[in-house]
Protein backbone atom coordinates (compact mmCIF):
# COMPACT_ATOMS: atom_id res chain seq x y z
CA MET A 1 91.62 122.02 110.23
CA HIS A 2 88.12 123.43 109.80
CA GLU A 3 86.07 122.43 112.86
CA GLY A 4 83.12 121.32 110.76
CA LEU A 5 85.22 118.65 109.09
CA LYS A 6 86.43 116.96 112.25
CA ALA A 7 83.15 115.20 112.94
CA MET A 8 82.69 114.00 109.35
CA ALA A 9 83.65 110.48 108.31
CA ARG A 10 86.90 110.03 106.44
CA ILE A 11 86.28 109.98 102.69
CA PRO A 12 87.54 106.60 101.37
CA VAL A 13 89.37 105.56 98.27
CA ALA A 14 87.37 104.24 95.29
CA GLY A 15 84.97 101.53 96.39
CA PRO A 16 81.94 99.50 95.30
CA TRP A 17 78.33 100.55 94.76
CA ILE A 18 76.24 97.63 96.00
CA THR A 19 72.42 97.54 95.85
CA GLN A 20 69.75 95.03 96.78
CA LYS A 21 70.12 93.51 93.29
CA GLU A 22 73.64 92.35 94.12
CA ILE A 23 72.68 91.14 97.59
CA ASP A 24 69.81 89.07 96.18
CA ALA A 25 72.05 87.62 93.46
CA VAL A 26 74.70 86.49 95.94
CA ALA A 27 72.03 85.03 98.24
CA ASP A 28 70.66 83.05 95.30
CA ALA A 29 74.11 81.66 94.54
CA ALA A 30 74.58 80.78 98.21
CA ARG A 31 71.35 78.79 98.14
CA ASN A 32 71.66 77.19 94.72
CA GLY A 33 75.25 77.40 93.44
CA TRP A 34 76.27 73.87 94.35
CA TYR A 35 76.44 70.37 92.83
CA ALA A 36 75.16 70.47 89.26
CA ASN A 37 74.83 74.27 89.44
CA ALA A 38 78.34 74.87 90.76
CA ASN A 39 79.70 76.13 87.42
CA SER A 40 76.58 77.74 86.02
CA TYR A 41 77.06 81.16 87.60
CA GLY A 42 80.64 81.46 86.35
CA GLU A 43 79.65 80.36 82.85
CA ARG A 44 76.80 82.88 82.74
CA PHE A 45 79.12 85.65 83.90
CA GLU A 46 81.70 84.70 81.28
CA ARG A 47 79.14 84.77 78.45
CA ALA A 48 77.62 88.04 79.60
CA PHE A 49 80.94 89.80 80.09
CA ALA A 50 82.32 88.62 76.74
CA GLY A 51 79.14 89.92 75.14
CA TYR A 52 79.48 93.27 76.85
CA VAL A 53 83.13 93.77 75.85
CA GLY A 54 82.72 92.25 72.39
CA THR A 55 84.95 89.17 72.39
CA ARG A 56 84.26 85.51 71.57
CA PHE A 57 85.63 83.95 74.76
CA ALA A 58 85.96 84.80 78.45
CA VAL A 59 87.53 82.87 81.33
CA SER A 60 86.56 83.87 84.89
CA LEU A 61 89.47 83.95 87.32
CA PRO A 62 90.39 85.07 90.86
CA SER A 63 92.29 88.18 89.74
CA CYS A 64 93.57 90.24 86.84
CA THR A 65 97.07 89.07 87.77
CA SER A 66 96.09 85.45 87.13
CA ALA A 67 94.51 86.48 83.82
CA LEU A 68 97.77 88.06 82.68
CA HIS A 69 99.67 85.00 83.90
CA LEU A 70 97.50 82.59 81.92
CA ALA A 71 97.54 84.84 78.85
CA LEU A 72 101.35 84.76 78.80
CA LEU A 73 101.38 80.99 79.30
CA ALA A 74 98.81 80.48 76.54
CA LEU A 75 100.98 82.56 74.21
CA ARG A 76 103.97 80.33 75.10
CA VAL A 77 106.00 83.21 76.54
CA GLY A 78 108.87 81.95 78.71
CA PRO A 79 112.57 82.10 79.59
CA GLY A 80 114.66 84.06 77.12
CA ASP A 81 111.70 86.16 75.97
CA GLU A 82 111.09 89.84 76.63
CA VAL A 83 107.69 91.40 77.35
CA VAL A 84 107.22 95.17 77.11
CA VAL A 85 105.16 96.83 79.85
CA PRO A 86 104.59 100.51 80.68
CA ASP A 87 107.12 102.15 82.95
CA VAL A 88 104.31 103.38 85.19
CA THR A 89 101.89 100.68 86.29
CA TRP A 90 101.05 98.48 89.28
CA ILE A 91 103.40 95.56 89.92
CA ALA A 92 100.62 93.14 88.91
CA THR A 93 101.33 93.99 85.26
CA SER A 94 104.99 93.01 85.32
CA ALA A 95 105.00 90.30 88.00
CA PRO A 96 103.35 87.66 85.73
CA VAL A 97 106.16 88.23 83.23
CA SER A 98 108.55 87.09 85.93
CA TYR A 99 106.25 84.18 86.83
CA VAL A 100 106.79 82.67 83.37
CA GLY A 101 110.55 83.31 83.46
CA ALA A 102 110.55 86.09 80.86
CA THR A 103 112.11 89.55 81.21
CA PRO A 104 109.95 92.67 81.62
CA VAL A 105 111.11 95.61 79.53
CA PHE A 106 109.78 99.03 80.51
CA ALA A 107 108.54 101.54 77.93
CA ASP A 108 107.72 105.22 78.36
CA ILE A 109 104.19 106.58 78.81
CA ASP A 110 102.43 109.43 77.05
CA ARG A 111 102.03 112.74 78.88
CA ARG A 112 98.28 112.98 78.23
CA SER A 113 96.98 109.41 78.17
CA TRP A 114 99.48 107.98 80.73
CA CYS A 115 99.69 104.93 78.45
CA ILE A 116 102.46 103.59 76.22
CA THR A 117 102.61 104.64 72.57
CA ALA A 118 103.75 102.98 69.37
CA GLU A 119 106.81 105.24 69.47
CA SER A 120 107.82 104.19 72.97
CA LEU A 121 107.17 100.55 72.10
CA ARG A 122 109.35 100.79 68.99
CA HIS A 123 112.11 102.27 71.12
CA VAL A 124 112.46 99.13 73.28
CA VAL A 125 111.61 96.26 70.91
CA THR A 126 114.37 93.72 70.27
CA PRO A 127 114.50 90.37 68.45
CA ARG A 128 113.66 88.76 71.83
CA THR A 129 110.40 90.70 72.27
CA ARG A 130 107.49 88.26 72.31
CA ALA A 131 104.65 90.40 73.69
CA VAL A 132 103.58 93.82 74.89
CA ILE A 133 101.15 94.40 77.77
CA VAL A 134 99.28 97.63 77.10
CA VAL A 135 97.80 99.11 80.29
CA ASP A 136 94.63 101.24 80.25
CA LEU A 137 95.88 103.27 83.21
CA TYR A 138 93.19 104.91 85.37
CA SER A 139 90.68 104.04 82.61
CA ASN A 140 92.66 105.98 80.00
CA MET A 141 93.37 104.22 76.72
CA PRO A 142 96.28 104.54 74.30
CA ASP A 143 96.02 104.97 70.54
CA MET A 144 95.71 101.25 69.84
CA ASP A 145 95.86 101.27 66.03
CA PRO A 146 99.56 102.15 65.57
CA ILE A 147 100.49 99.85 68.47
CA ALA A 148 98.64 96.97 66.82
CA GLU A 149 100.23 97.75 63.45
CA LEU A 150 103.73 97.77 64.92
CA ALA A 151 103.02 94.52 66.79
CA ARG A 152 101.89 92.84 63.55
CA GLU A 153 105.02 94.04 61.74
CA ARG A 154 107.30 92.65 64.45
CA GLY A 155 105.33 89.48 65.22
CA ILE A 156 104.60 90.61 68.79
CA ALA A 157 101.53 89.48 70.73
CA VAL A 158 99.40 92.22 72.30
CA ILE A 159 97.84 91.76 75.74
CA GLU A 160 95.55 94.52 77.00
CA ASP A 161 95.62 95.07 80.76
CA ALA A 162 92.16 96.60 81.17
CA ALA A 163 92.09 96.10 84.94
CA GLU A 164 90.93 99.68 85.54
CA ALA A 165 88.99 100.27 82.34
CA VAL A 166 85.58 98.57 82.45
CA GLY A 167 83.43 100.81 80.26
CA SER A 168 86.21 102.75 78.54
CA GLU A 169 86.17 102.93 74.74
CA HIS A 170 88.61 103.59 71.90
CA ARG A 171 87.08 104.58 68.56
CA GLY A 172 83.80 102.89 69.43
CA ARG A 173 85.34 99.63 70.71
CA ARG A 174 85.28 98.77 74.38
CA ALA A 175 88.40 98.34 76.46
CA GLY A 176 89.39 94.69 76.55
CA SER A 177 88.48 94.00 72.91
CA PHE A 178 91.96 94.70 71.52
CA GLY A 179 94.93 92.45 70.93
CA ASP A 180 95.37 88.71 71.34
CA ALA A 181 94.02 88.68 74.90
CA SER A 182 92.90 91.08 77.61
CA ALA A 183 92.62 91.01 81.38
CA PHE A 184 90.17 92.69 83.77
CA SER A 185 90.14 93.18 87.52
CA PHE A 186 87.04 92.97 89.70
CA HIS A 187 88.84 93.92 92.91
CA GLY A 188 86.77 95.67 95.56
CA SER A 189 88.08 99.07 94.46
CA LYS A 190 87.04 98.66 90.84
CA THR A 191 83.97 100.09 89.11
CA LEU A 192 82.53 96.60 88.61
CA THR A 193 83.46 94.30 91.47
CA THR A 194 83.19 90.70 92.59
CA GLY A 195 85.10 91.46 95.80
CA GLU A 196 88.17 89.79 94.35
CA GLY A 197 88.19 88.47 90.82
CA GLY A 198 89.29 88.84 87.24
CA MET A 199 88.57 87.81 83.66
CA LEU A 200 90.64 86.82 80.65
CA LEU A 201 89.08 87.66 77.28
CA THR A 202 90.17 86.68 73.79
CA ASN A 203 88.93 86.03 70.26
CA ARG A 204 91.38 83.16 69.87
CA GLU A 205 89.93 79.79 70.81
CA GLU A 206 93.31 78.20 71.51
CA ILE A 207 94.09 80.84 74.14
CA SER A 208 90.73 80.32 75.81
CA GLU A 209 91.10 76.54 75.83
CA ARG A 210 94.60 76.65 77.22
CA ALA A 211 93.56 79.07 79.99
CA LEU A 212 90.53 76.93 80.92
CA PHE A 213 92.80 73.90 81.16
CA LEU A 214 95.49 75.54 83.26
CA ARG A 215 93.12 77.30 85.69
CA ASN A 216 91.94 73.96 87.14
CA HIS A 217 95.31 72.38 87.96
CA ALA A 218 95.59 71.19 84.34
CA ALA A 219 93.19 68.39 85.24
CA SER A 220 92.06 65.96 82.58
CA THR A 221 88.42 66.30 81.52
CA GLU A 222 88.29 62.59 80.70
CA ARG A 223 89.93 61.02 83.75
CA MET A 224 89.22 62.18 87.31
CA PHE A 225 92.16 63.35 89.42
CA TRP A 226 94.53 62.99 86.48
CA ASN A 227 96.87 65.89 85.77
CA THR A 228 99.04 65.90 82.67
CA GLU A 229 101.12 68.91 83.80
CA VAL A 230 101.36 71.38 86.66
CA GLY A 231 98.54 73.90 86.51
CA PHE A 232 97.00 76.45 88.87
CA LYS A 233 94.05 76.90 91.20
CA TYR A 234 92.61 79.91 89.38
CA ARG A 235 88.85 79.57 89.65
CA MET A 236 86.15 82.09 90.55
CA SER A 237 83.45 81.02 93.02
CA ALA A 238 79.73 81.00 92.25
CA LEU A 239 79.18 83.75 94.84
CA GLN A 240 81.70 86.03 93.13
CA ALA A 241 80.25 85.31 89.68
CA ALA A 242 76.72 86.07 90.89
CA LEU A 243 77.88 89.40 92.29
CA GLY A 244 79.62 90.17 88.99
CA LEU A 245 76.52 89.33 86.96
CA ALA A 246 74.39 91.69 89.01
CA GLN A 247 77.00 94.44 88.75
CA LEU A 248 77.24 93.90 85.00
CA GLU A 249 73.51 94.52 84.67
CA ARG A 250 74.18 97.96 86.19
CA VAL A 251 77.49 98.66 84.44
CA GLU A 252 76.27 101.68 82.46
CA GLU A 253 74.90 103.22 85.65
CA LEU A 254 78.20 102.57 87.43
CA VAL A 255 80.25 104.14 84.64
CA ARG A 256 77.95 107.16 84.40
CA LYS A 257 78.47 107.84 88.10
CA LYS A 258 82.25 107.59 87.75
CA ARG A 259 82.21 110.02 84.82
CA GLN A 260 79.94 112.36 86.77
CA ILE A 261 82.37 112.37 89.68
CA LEU A 262 85.24 113.27 87.35
CA GLU A 263 83.15 116.10 85.92
CA TRP A 264 82.57 117.45 89.44
CA TYR A 265 86.31 117.65 89.88
CA ARG A 266 86.73 119.34 86.52
CA GLU A 267 84.10 121.92 87.41
CA GLU A 268 85.84 122.78 90.67
CA LEU A 269 89.50 122.36 89.77
CA GLY A 270 89.73 122.55 85.99
CA GLY A 271 90.67 126.22 85.82
CA ILE A 272 93.57 126.10 88.27
CA ALA A 273 96.97 126.73 86.73
CA GLY A 274 99.50 123.98 87.36
CA LEU A 275 96.95 121.24 87.93
CA THR A 276 95.96 118.59 85.35
CA LEU A 277 93.17 116.03 85.76
CA ASN A 278 92.56 112.84 83.76
CA GLN A 279 92.39 113.68 80.07
CA GLU A 280 90.48 111.95 77.29
CA VAL A 281 92.65 111.84 74.20
CA GLU A 282 91.04 112.00 70.78
CA GLY A 283 88.97 108.95 69.93
CA THR A 284 88.66 107.66 73.50
CA ARG A 285 85.98 107.69 76.16
CA SER A 286 87.26 107.14 79.68
CA ALA A 287 85.27 105.25 82.29
CA ALA A 288 86.98 107.48 84.88
CA TRP A 289 87.74 104.73 87.38
CA MET A 290 89.84 106.96 89.64
CA THR A 291 90.14 110.71 89.32
CA THR A 292 93.81 111.66 89.36
CA VAL A 293 95.62 114.99 89.39
CA VAL A 294 99.13 115.81 88.17
CA LEU A 295 100.80 118.83 89.78
CA ASP A 296 103.03 121.03 87.65
CA PRO A 297 106.01 122.66 89.39
CA SER A 298 104.23 125.99 88.92
CA PHE A 299 101.55 124.76 91.31
CA GLY A 300 103.94 125.46 94.17
CA MET A 301 103.41 122.27 96.15
CA GLU A 302 104.88 118.78 96.01
CA LYS A 303 102.67 115.71 95.83
CA ASP A 304 103.65 114.40 99.27
CA GLU A 305 102.94 117.77 100.88
CA LEU A 306 99.45 117.88 99.36
CA ILE A 307 98.75 114.30 100.47
CA ARG A 308 99.88 115.15 104.01
CA LEU A 309 97.82 118.33 104.11
CA LEU A 310 94.63 116.57 103.08
CA GLY A 311 95.30 113.30 104.87
CA GLU A 312 93.14 113.91 107.93
CA ARG A 313 89.93 113.99 105.89
CA HIS A 314 90.74 112.31 102.62
CA ARG A 315 92.73 109.30 101.49
CA PHE A 316 95.06 110.25 98.63
CA PRO A 317 97.05 107.30 97.26
CA PRO A 318 99.99 108.44 95.12
CA PHE A 319 100.22 107.87 91.39
CA LEU A 320 101.82 104.51 90.66
CA PRO A 321 105.64 104.76 90.97
CA PRO A 322 108.30 103.99 88.35
CA PRO A 323 109.48 100.40 88.79
CA GLU A 324 112.99 101.23 89.98
CA LEU A 325 111.62 102.70 93.23
CA PRO A 326 109.89 99.96 95.31
CA PRO A 327 112.23 97.04 96.17
CA GLY A 328 109.80 94.44 94.84
CA LEU A 329 109.61 96.15 91.49
CA ARG A 330 113.40 96.44 91.35
CA GLU A 331 113.53 92.68 91.77
CA VAL A 332 111.00 92.14 89.00
CA ARG A 333 112.90 94.56 86.81
CA GLY A 334 116.18 92.74 87.26
CA GLY A 335 118.17 95.23 89.31
CA PRO A 336 118.18 98.90 90.25
CA ALA A 337 118.68 100.10 86.68
CA GLY A 338 116.61 97.44 84.99
CA PRO A 339 117.28 95.39 81.90
CA ARG A 340 116.32 98.13 79.43
CA ALA A 341 117.41 101.32 81.16
CA GLU A 342 120.67 101.88 79.34
CA PRO A 343 121.19 105.14 77.37
CA GLY A 344 119.29 105.20 74.12
CA ARG A 345 116.46 103.03 75.42
CA LEU A 346 114.62 104.64 78.35
CA ARG A 347 116.67 107.46 79.75
CA ASP A 348 116.08 109.70 76.76
CA LEU A 349 112.32 109.41 77.27
CA PRO A 350 111.58 112.01 79.94
CA LEU A 351 107.85 111.62 80.45
CA ARG A 352 107.84 108.43 82.46
CA ARG A 353 108.59 109.97 85.86
CA GLU A 354 106.41 113.04 85.71
CA PRO A 355 103.01 111.63 86.76
CA ALA A 356 104.53 109.25 89.28
CA GLU A 357 106.51 111.98 90.98
CA ARG A 358 103.89 114.72 90.83
CA ALA A 359 100.46 113.07 91.04
CA PRO A 360 98.23 112.10 93.96
CA ALA A 361 95.21 110.02 92.97
CA LEU A 362 91.98 111.46 94.30
CA GLU A 363 89.88 108.92 96.12
CA GLY A 364 87.68 107.65 93.34
CA GLY A 365 86.26 111.10 92.87
CA ARG A 366 85.06 111.30 96.46
CA GLY A 367 87.23 114.15 97.57
CA GLY A 368 88.83 117.10 95.99
CA GLY A 369 91.13 119.88 96.70
CA ARG A 370 92.82 122.84 95.20
CA ARG A 371 95.68 124.98 96.19
CA GLY A 372 97.64 127.66 94.45
CA PRO A 373 98.52 131.23 95.17
CA GLN A 374 94.83 132.08 95.30
CA VAL A 375 93.67 129.21 97.59
CA ASP A 376 94.84 128.53 101.15
CA PRO A 377 94.58 125.17 103.00
CA GLU A 378 91.41 126.20 104.82
CA ALA A 379 89.70 127.07 101.56
CA LEU A 380 90.97 123.82 100.09
CA THR A 381 89.35 121.73 102.83
CA ARG A 382 86.09 123.61 102.35
CA ARG A 383 86.20 122.65 98.69
CA MET A 384 86.68 119.03 99.70
CA GLU A 385 83.77 119.19 102.11
CA GLY A 386 81.53 120.30 99.29
CA LYS A 387 82.76 117.58 97.00
CA GLY A 388 82.28 114.86 99.58
CA SER A 389 78.64 115.87 100.03
CA ARG A 390 77.82 115.45 96.34
CA THR A 391 78.72 111.80 95.83
CA GLY A 392 75.34 110.48 96.94
């Protein structure tokens, strides 16, 4: 490896951008977020975030996973029901389907957006389908209008998993404003973070009320320590909410930086044959949470080889795998083949494996690399060195 790179710090995966504003906000919550003020920070964050996204209600939670869980429960999804999810996503999308006793059914993704389409949804819908969880993967967004139309025709609820899409837009509407409910993540790797945290958003009051009830052990609001059913401990702390509020005040700045980082990659790598970066399909604006590259076979290198080559200086997590690969996802799916993998359902949809098998995710835009017949590994690391110095 180039000698000049050995002394440089390892470039990390996507992480937070914290300023004095956030530090002061958390310190204020630490001093004052108790007793009568214990809930005020969370309520302020909920109102502000709902206003930013454009929904009527928001429920602050400890994770996006818990938001999806409560959304399914509020929609009365349970045993015997099927819920469609994309065939390429993190396990947190499909695991809550199993939590409520329903069956996850995996639909194909689009080659450009990496999201499900109305066509792939139609291909797997059955009379047992109760909901679809649409994932805004890597801040990309699907064409929501035909998905919503099909869902209305079939009586299917739509849940938008916007975990990675704070700031993304589809035809002028922000990610998280579609469907019956949506879920966001504020994990430490996300553009807007609370360290750990999430939010459920909806325009339906009954979903909001049910989620608020269940997140606090289903405790009665009229009688102390009285629980009418089994609920969950799904609350966000005042410290987390204060951090989220301060980050939300800077959200446009945070998204601009993410988009700038993606543009840096496009400038350096966009002209290389066999390499495809995140694409913005017509009508969408990506918040560019994590820059990701898909390698065509003509590129001449497999994903794992590229990750290994660059691993000493850069952290390259792989694109999320199809759910039949990791053992935990096989369990969620219901077996090695999965409940909806028979011929005529998934196997005739070829796109679902391509990104997962051929794509390393670049570390939040903080690294870079290129290789082809015209670029050798030494030149590639020099490119990365230049990219790492521009993040600021």
